[in-house]
Amino acid sequence: MIVTFFRHGSNIWLALGLIALGGGFLAGILPFSLFWVVIGALTFYVSEYGFHRFGFHAEPSRFAFVRKMQHRLHYDHHSEPDRLDLLFLPVWFLVPNLAITALAFALIFGWAAVASAMFGVTLAIFHYEWVHYVAHIPYQPHTRIGRWIKQYHLRHHFISEKFWFGVSNPSMDFVGRTYKAAREVERSGTTRRLYS
């Protein structure tokens, strides 16, 4: 299970990034701040919801190359939710977004915040990828919260793609009013065919 997780998407690179940053903190090369780690993680959790709801579920672009990206990043994942090669964030998407995030932290908060904030962002992405992976494989989590978050995400795939955009946590669904009890939502006929 763990070996398979590291074979796909950006997961090995995320792990190596965490090791490198952690080593930099331990060696005293990089400044560490728990405050900025938490801010970085929270930044990702907000962007996770925003990307998923407004980016990945955006209407198909009129440009063919953008439509191809939309399919790889999310539409095809809805069509074939069990395919692991469509599950994880690809390197070509993740690296530029991490670079932009690091630059934004540097410009807004100064370079001293960047390493810790990016450690938090990367930890949160790693958490997101793991939770998403567990939701889509034939594995029953051992904890009550693990089982709940798995079924929470699967509602998005098998009941309605218009709700439950939080993959690793539901907090932003409450803010964005996209949380509903499963019994309150009419089953959608397009969970597997976004915009088709």
N, C-alpha and C. Protein backbone atom coordinates (compact mmCIF):
# COMPACT_ATOMS: atom_id res chain seq x y z
N MET A 1 0.83 -1.20 0.00
CA MET A 1 0.00 0.00 0.00
C MET A 1 0.87 1.26 0.00
N ILE A 2 1.85 1.32 0.89
CA ILE A 2 2.73 2.50 0.96
C ILE A 2 3.62 2.59 -0.27
N VAL A 3 4.13 1.44 -0.73
CA VAL A 3 4.99 1.42 -1.92
C VAL A 3 4.22 1.96 -3.12
N THR A 4 2.98 1.52 -3.28
CA THR A 4 2.14 1.99 -4.39
C THR A 4 1.92 3.50 -4.30
N PHE A 5 1.72 4.01 -3.11
CA PHE A 5 1.52 5.45 -2.91
C PHE A 5 2.70 6.24 -3.46
N PHE A 6 3.92 5.76 -3.25
CA PHE A 6 5.11 6.50 -3.69
C PHE A 6 5.43 6.30 -5.17
N ARG A 7 4.73 5.41 -5.84
CA ARG A 7 4.98 5.19 -7.27
C ARG A 7 4.26 6.18 -8.15
N HIS A 8 3.35 6.94 -7.61
CA HIS A 8 2.49 7.78 -8.44
C HIS A 8 2.63 9.26 -8.10
N GLY A 9 2.29 10.07 -9.11
CA GLY A 9 2.22 11.51 -8.92
C GLY A 9 3.51 12.10 -8.39
N SER A 10 3.37 13.06 -7.53
CA SER A 10 4.50 13.81 -6.99
C SER A 10 4.92 13.34 -5.61
N ASN A 11 4.39 12.23 -5.14
CA ASN A 11 4.56 11.84 -3.74
C ASN A 11 6.00 11.65 -3.31
N ILE A 12 6.82 11.04 -4.14
CA ILE A 12 8.23 10.86 -3.76
C ILE A 12 8.93 12.21 -3.67
N TRP A 13 8.56 13.13 -4.55
CA TRP A 13 9.17 14.47 -4.53
C TRP A 13 8.71 15.26 -3.32
N LEU A 14 7.45 15.10 -2.95
CA LEU A 14 6.96 15.75 -1.73
C LEU A 14 7.72 15.24 -0.51
N ALA A 15 7.91 13.92 -0.44
CA ALA A 15 8.64 13.33 0.69
C ALA A 15 10.08 13.82 0.73
N LEU A 16 10.72 13.88 -0.43
CA LEU A 16 12.11 14.36 -0.48
C LEU A 16 12.19 15.84 -0.09
N GLY A 17 11.20 16.62 -0.49
CA GLY A 17 11.16 18.03 -0.09
C GLY A 17 11.02 18.19 1.40
N LEU A 18 10.15 17.38 2.01
CA LEU A 18 9.99 17.42 3.47
C LEU A 18 11.28 17.03 4.18
N ILE A 19 11.95 16.01 3.67
CA ILE A 19 13.22 15.56 4.27
C ILE A 19 14.27 16.67 4.15
N ALA A 20 14.34 17.30 2.97
CA ALA A 20 15.33 18.37 2.76
C ALA A 20 15.06 19.56 3.68
N LEU A 21 13.81 19.99 3.75
CA LEU A 21 13.48 21.11 4.64
C LEU A 21 13.72 20.75 6.10
N GLY A 22 13.27 19.55 6.49
CA GLY A 22 13.49 19.10 7.86
C GLY A 22 14.97 19.04 8.21
N GLY A 23 15.79 18.55 7.27
CA GLY A 23 17.24 18.52 7.48
C GLY A 23 17.81 19.92 7.62
N GLY A 24 17.30 20.85 6.81
CA GLY A 24 17.74 22.24 6.90
C GLY A 24 17.40 22.87 8.24
N PHE A 25 16.23 22.54 8.77
CA PHE A 25 15.85 23.05 10.10
C PHE A 25 16.75 22.45 11.18
N LEU A 26 16.94 21.13 11.12
CA LEU A 26 17.75 20.45 12.15
C LEU A 26 19.20 20.91 12.13
N ALA A 27 19.71 21.19 10.94
CA ALA A 27 21.10 21.63 10.82
C ALA A 27 21.25 23.12 11.13
N GLY A 28 20.17 23.83 11.32
CA GLY A 28 20.25 25.25 11.62
C GLY A 28 20.49 26.11 10.40
N ILE A 29 20.39 25.53 9.21
CA ILE A 29 20.60 26.27 7.96
C ILE A 29 19.38 27.12 7.63
N LEU A 30 18.19 26.57 7.94
CA LEU A 30 16.94 27.26 7.65
C LEU A 30 16.26 27.66 8.96
N PRO A 31 15.67 28.86 9.00
CA PRO A 31 14.95 29.26 10.22
C PRO A 31 13.63 28.49 10.32
N PHE A 32 13.31 28.02 11.52
CA PHE A 32 12.08 27.27 11.75
C PHE A 32 11.11 28.07 12.60
N SER A 33 9.85 28.07 12.20
CA SER A 33 8.80 28.73 12.97
C SER A 33 7.54 27.89 12.88
N LEU A 34 7.08 27.38 14.00
CA LEU A 34 5.85 26.60 14.02
C LEU A 34 4.67 27.44 13.55
N PHE A 35 4.68 28.71 13.88
CA PHE A 35 3.62 29.62 13.42
C PHE A 35 3.50 29.56 11.90
N TRP A 36 4.63 29.67 11.19
CA TRP A 36 4.59 29.69 9.72
C TRP A 36 4.28 28.32 9.15
N VAL A 37 4.65 27.25 9.86
CA VAL A 37 4.25 25.90 9.43
C VAL A 37 2.73 25.80 9.42
N VAL A 38 2.10 26.27 10.50
CA VAL A 38 0.63 26.22 10.60
C VAL A 38 -0.01 27.10 9.53
N ILE A 39 0.51 28.30 9.34
CA ILE A 39 -0.02 29.20 8.30
C ILE A 39 0.11 28.56 6.93
N GLY A 40 1.25 27.93 6.66
CA GLY A 40 1.44 27.25 5.38
C GLY A 40 0.42 26.14 5.18
N ALA A 41 0.21 25.32 6.20
CA ALA A 41 -0.76 24.22 6.10
C ALA A 41 -2.17 24.77 5.86
N LEU A 42 -2.54 25.80 6.62
CA LEU A 42 -3.87 26.40 6.45
C LEU A 42 -4.03 27.00 5.05
N THR A 43 -2.96 27.58 4.54
CA THR A 43 -2.99 28.12 3.18
C THR A 43 -3.32 27.02 2.18
N PHE A 44 -2.68 25.86 2.35
CA PHE A 44 -2.99 24.77 1.43
C PHE A 44 -4.44 24.31 1.57
N TYR A 45 -4.93 24.15 2.79
CA TYR A 45 -6.28 23.63 2.97
C TYR A 45 -7.33 24.55 2.36
N VAL A 46 -7.09 25.85 2.42
CA VAL A 46 -8.00 26.79 1.75
C VAL A 46 -7.87 26.65 0.24
N SER A 47 -6.64 26.56 -0.26
CA SER A 47 -6.44 26.45 -1.70
C SER A 47 -6.91 25.10 -2.24
N GLU A 48 -6.82 24.04 -1.42
CA GLU A 48 -7.33 22.72 -1.83
C GLU A 48 -8.80 22.84 -2.24
N TYR A 49 -9.57 23.47 -1.40
CA TYR A 49 -11.00 23.65 -1.68
C TYR A 49 -11.19 24.55 -2.91
N GLY A 50 -10.47 25.66 -2.95
CA GLY A 50 -10.63 26.60 -4.05
C GLY A 50 -10.27 25.99 -5.40
N PHE A 51 -9.11 25.30 -5.45
CA PHE A 51 -8.71 24.64 -6.70
C PHE A 51 -9.75 23.60 -7.10
N HIS A 52 -10.18 22.79 -6.13
CA HIS A 52 -11.10 21.70 -6.45
C HIS A 52 -12.45 22.25 -6.94
N ARG A 53 -13.00 23.17 -6.21
CA ARG A 53 -14.33 23.66 -6.57
C ARG A 53 -14.32 24.57 -7.80
N PHE A 54 -13.42 25.53 -7.82
CA PHE A 54 -13.46 26.56 -8.86
C PHE A 54 -12.50 26.32 -10.02
N GLY A 55 -11.43 25.54 -9.78
CA GLY A 55 -10.49 25.25 -10.85
C GLY A 55 -10.75 23.91 -11.51
N PHE A 56 -10.72 22.85 -10.72
CA PHE A 56 -10.86 21.51 -11.28
C PHE A 56 -12.27 21.23 -11.78
N HIS A 57 -13.27 21.93 -11.24
CA HIS A 57 -14.64 21.75 -11.69
C HIS A 57 -15.10 22.90 -12.59
N ALA A 58 -14.16 23.68 -13.09
CA ALA A 58 -14.51 24.76 -14.02
C ALA A 58 -15.02 24.17 -15.34
N GLU A 59 -15.83 24.94 -16.02
CA GLU A 59 -16.32 24.51 -17.34
C GLU A 59 -15.14 24.30 -18.27
N PRO A 60 -15.28 23.39 -19.24
CA PRO A 60 -14.18 23.13 -20.17
C PRO A 60 -13.76 24.39 -20.92
N SER A 61 -12.48 24.56 -21.03
CA SER A 61 -11.91 25.70 -21.74
C SER A 61 -12.17 25.59 -23.24
N ARG A 62 -12.16 26.71 -23.91
CA ARG A 62 -12.28 26.68 -25.37
C ARG A 62 -10.95 26.33 -26.02
N PHE A 63 -9.85 26.38 -25.22
CA PHE A 63 -8.52 26.05 -25.74
C PHE A 63 -8.22 24.57 -25.52
N ALA A 64 -7.83 23.88 -26.57
CA ALA A 64 -7.63 22.43 -26.52
C ALA A 64 -6.58 22.03 -25.49
N PHE A 65 -5.45 22.76 -25.41
CA PHE A 65 -4.40 22.37 -24.47
C PHE A 65 -4.84 22.53 -23.02
N VAL A 66 -5.70 23.53 -22.74
CA VAL A 66 -6.23 23.71 -21.39
C VAL A 66 -7.23 22.61 -21.08
N ARG A 67 -8.08 22.25 -22.06
CA ARG A 67 -9.02 21.14 -21.86
C ARG A 67 -8.29 19.84 -21.56
N LYS A 68 -7.17 19.63 -22.24
CA LYS A 68 -6.37 18.42 -21.98
C LYS A 68 -5.87 18.42 -20.54
N MET A 69 -5.41 19.57 -20.06
CA MET A 69 -4.98 19.69 -18.66
C MET A 69 -6.16 19.45 -17.71
N GLN A 70 -7.31 20.01 -18.03
CA GLN A 70 -8.49 19.83 -17.17
C GLN A 70 -8.85 18.34 -17.05
N HIS A 71 -8.74 17.64 -18.17
CA HIS A 71 -9.04 16.21 -18.14
C HIS A 71 -8.04 15.47 -17.27
N ARG A 72 -6.75 15.76 -17.44
CA ARG A 72 -5.74 15.06 -16.65
C ARG A 72 -5.83 15.41 -15.17
N LEU A 73 -6.07 16.68 -14.87
CA LEU A 73 -6.10 17.11 -13.48
C LEU A 73 -7.35 16.66 -12.74
N HIS A 74 -8.50 16.54 -13.44
CA HIS A 74 -9.68 16.17 -12.66
C HIS A 74 -10.81 15.46 -13.41
N TYR A 75 -11.14 15.91 -14.60
CA TYR A 75 -12.29 15.31 -15.28
C TYR A 75 -12.13 13.79 -15.41
N ASP A 76 -10.94 13.34 -15.83
CA ASP A 76 -10.71 11.91 -16.03
C ASP A 76 -10.73 11.15 -14.70
N HIS A 77 -10.33 11.81 -13.63
CA HIS A 77 -10.39 11.18 -12.31
C HIS A 77 -11.85 10.88 -11.94
N HIS A 78 -12.76 11.75 -12.31
CA HIS A 78 -14.18 11.48 -12.07
C HIS A 78 -14.68 10.35 -12.95
N SER A 79 -14.18 10.29 -14.18
CA SER A 79 -14.60 9.21 -15.09
C SER A 79 -14.13 7.85 -14.59
N GLU A 80 -12.90 7.81 -14.08
CA GLU A 80 -12.31 6.54 -13.63
C GLU A 80 -11.68 6.74 -12.24
N PRO A 81 -12.52 6.81 -11.20
CA PRO A 81 -12.01 7.13 -9.86
C PRO A 81 -11.08 6.09 -9.25
N ASP A 82 -11.01 4.89 -9.83
CA ASP A 82 -10.14 3.85 -9.30
C ASP A 82 -8.75 3.83 -9.94
N ARG A 83 -8.53 4.64 -10.97
CA ARG A 83 -7.23 4.66 -11.65
C ARG A 83 -6.24 5.51 -10.86
N LEU A 84 -5.22 4.87 -10.33
CA LEU A 84 -4.24 5.58 -9.49
C LEU A 84 -3.42 6.59 -10.29
N ASP A 85 -3.19 6.34 -11.57
CA ASP A 85 -2.40 7.29 -12.36
C ASP A 85 -3.14 8.61 -12.58
N LEU A 86 -4.44 8.63 -12.30
CA LEU A 86 -5.22 9.86 -12.43
C LEU A 86 -5.54 10.49 -11.08
N LEU A 87 -5.10 9.84 -10.01
CA LEU A 87 -5.49 10.25 -8.66
C LEU A 87 -4.64 11.38 -8.10
N PHE A 88 -3.33 11.31 -8.32
CA PHE A 88 -2.39 12.21 -7.65
C PHE A 88 -2.05 13.43 -8.49
N LEU A 89 -1.61 14.49 -7.81
CA LEU A 89 -1.19 15.70 -8.51
C LEU A 89 0.09 15.41 -9.30
N PRO A 90 0.11 15.76 -10.59
CA PRO A 90 1.33 15.54 -11.38
C PRO A 90 2.40 16.59 -11.06
N VAL A 91 3.64 16.22 -11.28
CA VAL A 91 4.78 17.11 -11.01
C VAL A 91 4.64 18.41 -11.79
N TRP A 92 4.22 18.33 -13.05
CA TRP A 92 4.12 19.53 -13.89
C TRP A 92 3.09 20.53 -13.36
N PHE A 93 2.15 20.09 -12.55
CA PHE A 93 1.20 21.00 -11.93
C PHE A 93 1.70 21.48 -10.57
N LEU A 94 2.25 20.55 -9.79
CA LEU A 94 2.63 20.85 -8.42
C LEU A 94 3.82 21.80 -8.32
N VAL A 95 4.88 21.56 -9.09
CA VAL A 95 6.11 22.35 -8.96
C VAL A 95 5.87 23.85 -9.22
N PRO A 96 5.22 24.22 -10.33
CA PRO A 96 4.97 25.66 -10.53
C PRO A 96 4.10 26.27 -9.43
N ASN A 97 3.12 25.52 -8.94
CA ASN A 97 2.26 26.04 -7.88
C ASN A 97 3.03 26.23 -6.58
N LEU A 98 3.93 25.30 -6.27
CA LEU A 98 4.76 25.46 -5.08
C LEU A 98 5.70 26.66 -5.22
N ALA A 99 6.26 26.84 -6.41
CA ALA A 99 7.15 27.98 -6.65
C ALA A 99 6.40 29.30 -6.49
N ILE A 100 5.20 29.39 -7.04
CA ILE A 100 4.39 30.60 -6.93
C ILE A 100 4.02 30.86 -5.47
N THR A 101 3.68 29.79 -4.75
CA THR A 101 3.33 29.93 -3.34
C THR A 101 4.52 30.43 -2.52
N ALA A 102 5.70 29.86 -2.77
CA ALA A 102 6.91 30.29 -2.05
C ALA A 102 7.20 31.76 -2.34
N LEU A 103 7.09 32.14 -3.60
CA LEU A 103 7.34 33.53 -3.97
C LEU A 103 6.32 34.47 -3.32
N ALA A 104 5.06 34.05 -3.29
CA ALA A 104 4.03 34.88 -2.64
C ALA A 104 4.32 35.06 -1.16
N PHE A 105 4.70 33.96 -0.47
CA PHE A 105 5.06 34.09 0.94
C PHE A 105 6.25 35.04 1.12
N ALA A 106 7.25 34.93 0.23
CA ALA A 106 8.43 35.79 0.34
C ALA A 106 8.06 37.25 0.15
N LEU A 107 7.25 37.53 -0.85
CA LEU A 107 6.89 38.92 -1.15
C LEU A 107 5.99 39.52 -0.07
N ILE A 108 5.09 38.72 0.48
CA ILE A 108 4.13 39.24 1.45
C ILE A 108 4.70 39.25 2.87
N PHE A 109 5.40 38.18 3.26
CA PHE A 109 5.83 38.02 4.65
C PHE A 109 7.34 38.06 4.85
N GLY A 110 8.11 38.05 3.77
CA GLY A 110 9.57 38.06 3.86
C GLY A 110 10.16 36.66 3.75
N TRP A 111 11.42 36.62 3.35
CA TRP A 111 12.07 35.34 3.08
C TRP A 111 12.21 34.47 4.34
N ALA A 112 12.24 35.07 5.52
CA ALA A 112 12.40 34.30 6.75
C ALA A 112 11.22 33.36 7.00
N ALA A 113 10.07 33.67 6.43
CA ALA A 113 8.87 32.83 6.63
C ALA A 113 8.78 31.68 5.64
N VAL A 114 9.52 31.76 4.55
CA VAL A 114 9.29 30.85 3.41
C VAL A 114 9.53 29.39 3.74
N ALA A 115 10.67 29.04 4.32
CA ALA A 115 10.99 27.62 4.54
C ALA A 115 9.96 26.95 5.44
N SER A 116 9.61 27.58 6.54
CA SER A 116 8.63 27.00 7.46
C SER A 116 7.24 26.94 6.83
N ALA A 117 6.85 28.01 6.12
CA ALA A 117 5.54 28.02 5.47
C ALA A 117 5.46 26.92 4.41
N MET A 118 6.54 26.76 3.63
CA MET A 118 6.52 25.73 2.60
C MET A 118 6.58 24.33 3.20
N PHE A 119 7.19 24.19 4.36
CA PHE A 119 7.15 22.91 5.07
C PHE A 119 5.70 22.59 5.43
N GLY A 120 4.97 23.59 5.93
CA GLY A 120 3.55 23.40 6.25
C GLY A 120 2.71 23.10 5.03
N VAL A 121 2.94 23.84 3.95
CA VAL A 121 2.22 23.60 2.69
C VAL A 121 2.47 22.16 2.22
N THR A 122 3.74 21.76 2.23
CA THR A 122 4.11 20.44 1.73
C THR A 122 3.55 19.33 2.61
N LEU A 123 3.60 19.52 3.93
CA LEU A 123 2.98 18.54 4.84
C LEU A 123 1.49 18.39 4.54
N ALA A 124 0.82 19.51 4.33
CA ALA A 124 -0.62 19.48 4.06
C ALA A 124 -0.92 18.81 2.72
N ILE A 125 -0.10 19.07 1.70
CA ILE A 125 -0.29 18.40 0.40
C ILE A 125 -0.08 16.90 0.56
N PHE A 126 0.95 16.52 1.30
CA PHE A 126 1.24 15.11 1.55
C PHE A 126 0.05 14.46 2.26
N HIS A 127 -0.51 15.15 3.24
CA HIS A 127 -1.70 14.66 3.95
C HIS A 127 -2.87 14.51 2.98
N TYR A 128 -3.08 15.53 2.15
CA TYR A 128 -4.14 15.49 1.14
C TYR A 128 -3.99 14.28 0.23
N GLU A 129 -2.78 14.08 -0.29
CA GLU A 129 -2.54 12.96 -1.22
C GLU A 129 -2.81 11.62 -0.54
N TRP A 130 -2.39 11.47 0.73
CA TRP A 130 -2.60 10.22 1.45
C TRP A 130 -4.09 9.97 1.68
N VAL A 131 -4.82 10.98 2.15
CA VAL A 131 -6.25 10.84 2.42
C VAL A 131 -6.99 10.52 1.12
N HIS A 132 -6.62 11.20 0.05
CA HIS A 132 -7.26 10.97 -1.25
C HIS A 132 -6.98 9.54 -1.73
N TYR A 133 -5.76 9.10 -1.56
CA TYR A 133 -5.37 7.74 -1.94
C TYR A 133 -6.18 6.70 -1.16
N VAL A 134 -6.24 6.85 0.15
CA VAL A 134 -6.98 5.90 0.99
C VAL A 134 -8.46 5.89 0.62
N ALA A 135 -9.01 7.04 0.24
CA ALA A 135 -10.42 7.10 -0.14
C ALA A 135 -10.72 6.29 -1.39
N HIS A 136 -9.72 6.12 -2.26
CA HIS A 136 -9.98 5.49 -3.56
C HIS A 136 -9.45 4.07 -3.69
N ILE A 137 -8.86 3.52 -2.67
CA ILE A 137 -8.38 2.14 -2.75
C ILE A 137 -9.25 1.25 -1.86
N PRO A 138 -9.24 -0.05 -2.12
CA PRO A 138 -10.04 -0.95 -1.29
C PRO A 138 -9.38 -1.20 0.06
N TYR A 139 -9.47 -0.20 0.91
CA TYR A 139 -8.86 -0.26 2.24
C TYR A 139 -9.82 0.40 3.21
N GLN A 140 -10.03 -0.23 4.34
CA GLN A 140 -10.91 0.33 5.37
C GLN A 140 -10.04 0.95 6.47
N PRO A 141 -10.06 2.27 6.63
CA PRO A 141 -9.27 2.90 7.69
C PRO A 141 -9.64 2.34 9.06
N HIS A 142 -8.67 2.33 9.97
CA HIS A 142 -8.87 1.76 11.30
C HIS A 142 -9.58 2.71 12.26
N THR A 143 -9.49 4.01 12.00
CA THR A 143 -10.08 4.96 12.93
C THR A 143 -11.45 5.42 12.44
N ARG A 144 -12.24 5.86 13.38
CA ARG A 144 -13.58 6.36 13.06
C ARG A 144 -13.51 7.58 12.14
N ILE A 145 -12.59 8.51 12.44
CA ILE A 145 -12.44 9.70 11.61
C ILE A 145 -11.93 9.33 10.22
N GLY A 146 -11.04 8.35 10.14
CA GLY A 146 -10.55 7.89 8.84
C GLY A 146 -11.66 7.31 7.97
N ARG A 147 -12.51 6.50 8.58
CA ARG A 147 -13.64 5.92 7.85
C ARG A 147 -14.62 7.01 7.41
N TRP A 148 -14.84 8.00 8.31
CA TRP A 148 -15.77 9.07 7.99
C TRP A 148 -15.25 9.93 6.83
N ILE A 149 -13.97 10.29 6.86
CA ILE A 149 -13.43 11.16 5.81
C ILE A 149 -13.40 10.42 4.47
N LYS A 150 -13.20 9.11 4.51
CA LYS A 150 -13.24 8.32 3.26
C LYS A 150 -14.63 8.38 2.65
N GLN A 151 -15.65 8.07 3.43
CA GLN A 151 -17.01 8.10 2.88
C GLN A 151 -17.42 9.52 2.51
N TYR A 152 -16.90 10.51 3.22
CA TYR A 152 -17.18 11.92 2.91
C TYR A 152 -16.71 12.25 1.50
N HIS A 153 -15.48 11.86 1.18
CA HIS A 153 -14.97 12.15 -0.16
C HIS A 153 -15.70 11.33 -1.22
N LEU A 154 -16.00 10.10 -0.93
CA LEU A 154 -16.67 9.26 -1.94
C LEU A 154 -18.07 9.75 -2.28
N ARG A 155 -18.69 10.52 -1.38
CA ARG A 155 -19.97 11.14 -1.72
C ARG A 155 -19.81 12.05 -2.94
N HIS A 156 -18.69 12.77 -3.00
CA HIS A 156 -18.42 13.68 -4.11
C HIS A 156 -18.35 12.92 -5.43
N HIS A 157 -17.87 11.70 -5.39
CA HIS A 157 -17.73 10.90 -6.61
C HIS A 157 -18.97 10.09 -6.96
N PHE A 158 -19.74 9.70 -5.97
CA PHE A 158 -20.81 8.75 -6.24
C PHE A 158 -22.22 9.24 -5.90
N ILE A 159 -22.33 10.42 -5.27
CA ILE A 159 -23.66 10.99 -5.03
C ILE A 159 -23.84 12.27 -5.84
N SER A 160 -22.95 13.26 -5.62
CA SER A 160 -23.04 14.50 -6.39
C SER A 160 -21.70 15.22 -6.41
N GLU A 161 -21.28 15.60 -7.59
CA GLU A 161 -20.03 16.34 -7.77
C GLU A 161 -20.19 17.82 -7.42
N LYS A 162 -21.38 18.23 -7.03
CA LYS A 162 -21.64 19.64 -6.70
C LYS A 162 -21.46 19.95 -5.22
N PHE A 163 -21.12 18.92 -4.43
CA PHE A 163 -20.93 19.09 -2.99
C PHE A 163 -19.68 18.34 -2.55
N TRP A 164 -19.28 18.59 -1.29
CA TRP A 164 -18.18 17.85 -0.65
C TRP A 164 -16.85 18.00 -1.39
N PHE A 165 -16.40 19.23 -1.57
CA PHE A 165 -15.15 19.49 -2.29
C PHE A 165 -13.93 19.32 -1.41
N GLY A 166 -14.08 19.36 -0.10
CA GLY A 166 -12.96 19.14 0.79
C GLY A 166 -12.53 17.69 0.74
N VAL A 167 -11.32 17.43 0.33
CA VAL A 167 -10.83 16.05 0.21
C VAL A 167 -10.19 15.61 1.52
N SER A 168 -9.28 16.40 2.02
CA SER A 168 -8.56 16.00 3.24
C SER A 168 -9.23 16.52 4.51
N ASN A 169 -10.15 17.46 4.37
CA ASN A 169 -10.93 17.93 5.52
C ASN A 169 -12.16 18.67 5.00
N PRO A 170 -13.24 18.67 5.75
CA PRO A 170 -14.48 19.28 5.28
C PRO A 170 -14.67 20.74 5.67
N SER A 171 -13.71 21.35 6.35
CA SER A 171 -13.94 22.67 6.93
C SER A 171 -14.39 23.72 5.92
N MET A 172 -13.76 23.76 4.76
CA MET A 172 -14.12 24.78 3.78
C MET A 172 -15.47 24.51 3.14
N ASP A 173 -15.94 23.26 3.17
CA ASP A 173 -17.29 22.98 2.67
C ASP A 173 -18.34 23.69 3.52
N PHE A 174 -18.08 23.83 4.81
CA PHE A 174 -19.01 24.57 5.68
C PHE A 174 -18.97 26.05 5.33
N VAL A 175 -17.78 26.59 5.11
CA VAL A 175 -17.63 27.99 4.75
C VAL A 175 -18.27 28.27 3.39
N GLY A 176 -17.99 27.38 2.42
CA GLY A 176 -18.49 27.56 1.05
C GLY A 176 -19.90 27.07 0.82
N ARG A 177 -20.54 26.57 1.88
CA ARG A 177 -21.92 26.07 1.81
C ARG A 177 -22.08 24.92 0.82
N THR A 178 -21.05 24.08 0.74
CA THR A 178 -21.12 22.90 -0.11
C THR A 178 -21.11 21.62 0.73
N TYR A 179 -21.42 21.77 2.01
CA TYR A 179 -21.60 20.61 2.87
C TYR A 179 -23.10 20.33 2.97
N LYS A 180 -23.46 19.08 2.80
CA LYS A 180 -24.84 18.64 3.00
C LYS A 180 -24.79 17.24 3.59
N ALA A 181 -25.82 16.87 4.32
CA ALA A 181 -25.98 15.47 4.71
C ALA A 181 -26.32 14.69 3.44
N ALA A 182 -25.81 13.49 3.31
CA ALA A 182 -26.01 12.71 2.08
C ALA A 182 -27.49 12.56 1.75
N ARG A 183 -28.33 12.39 2.74
CA ARG A 183 -29.77 12.18 2.51
C ARG A 183 -30.45 13.44 1.95
N GLU A 184 -29.80 14.60 2.07
CA GLU A 184 -30.39 15.85 1.59
C GLU A 184 -30.09 16.13 0.12
N VAL A 185 -29.23 15.32 -0.49
CA VAL A 185 -28.74 15.62 -1.83
C VAL A 185 -29.30 14.60 -2.83
N GLU A 186 -29.85 15.12 -3.92
CA GLU A 186 -30.34 14.25 -4.98
C GLU A 186 -29.15 13.68 -5.75
N ARG A 187 -29.19 12.40 -6.04
CA ARG A 187 -28.09 11.74 -6.75
C ARG A 187 -27.94 12.35 -8.15
N SER A 188 -26.71 12.71 -8.49
CA SER A 188 -26.41 13.33 -9.77
C SER A 188 -26.12 12.25 -10.82
N GLY A 189 -26.52 12.52 -12.03
CA GLY A 189 -26.22 11.60 -13.13
C GLY A 189 -24.92 11.93 -13.82
N THR A 190 -24.22 12.97 -13.33
CA THR A 190 -23.00 13.40 -14.03
C THR A 190 -21.75 13.33 -13.16
N THR A 191 -21.77 12.56 -12.08
CA THR A 191 -20.57 12.47 -11.25
C THR A 191 -19.40 11.86 -12.01
N ARG A 192 -19.68 11.02 -12.97
CA ARG A 192 -18.60 10.37 -13.74
C ARG A 192 -18.33 11.08 -15.07
N ARG A 193 -19.19 11.98 -15.47
CA ARG A 193 -19.02 12.65 -16.75
C ARG A 193 -19.15 14.16 -16.57
N LEU A 194 -18.13 14.79 -16.03
CA LEU A 194 -18.19 16.22 -15.82
C LEU A 194 -18.28 16.92 -17.16
N TYR A 195 -19.30 17.73 -17.34
CA TYR A 195 -19.51 18.55 -18.54
C TYR A 195 -19.59 17.75 -19.82
N SER A 196 -20.13 16.54 -19.77
CA SER A 196 -20.27 15.81 -21.04
C SER A 196 -21.72 15.52 -21.32
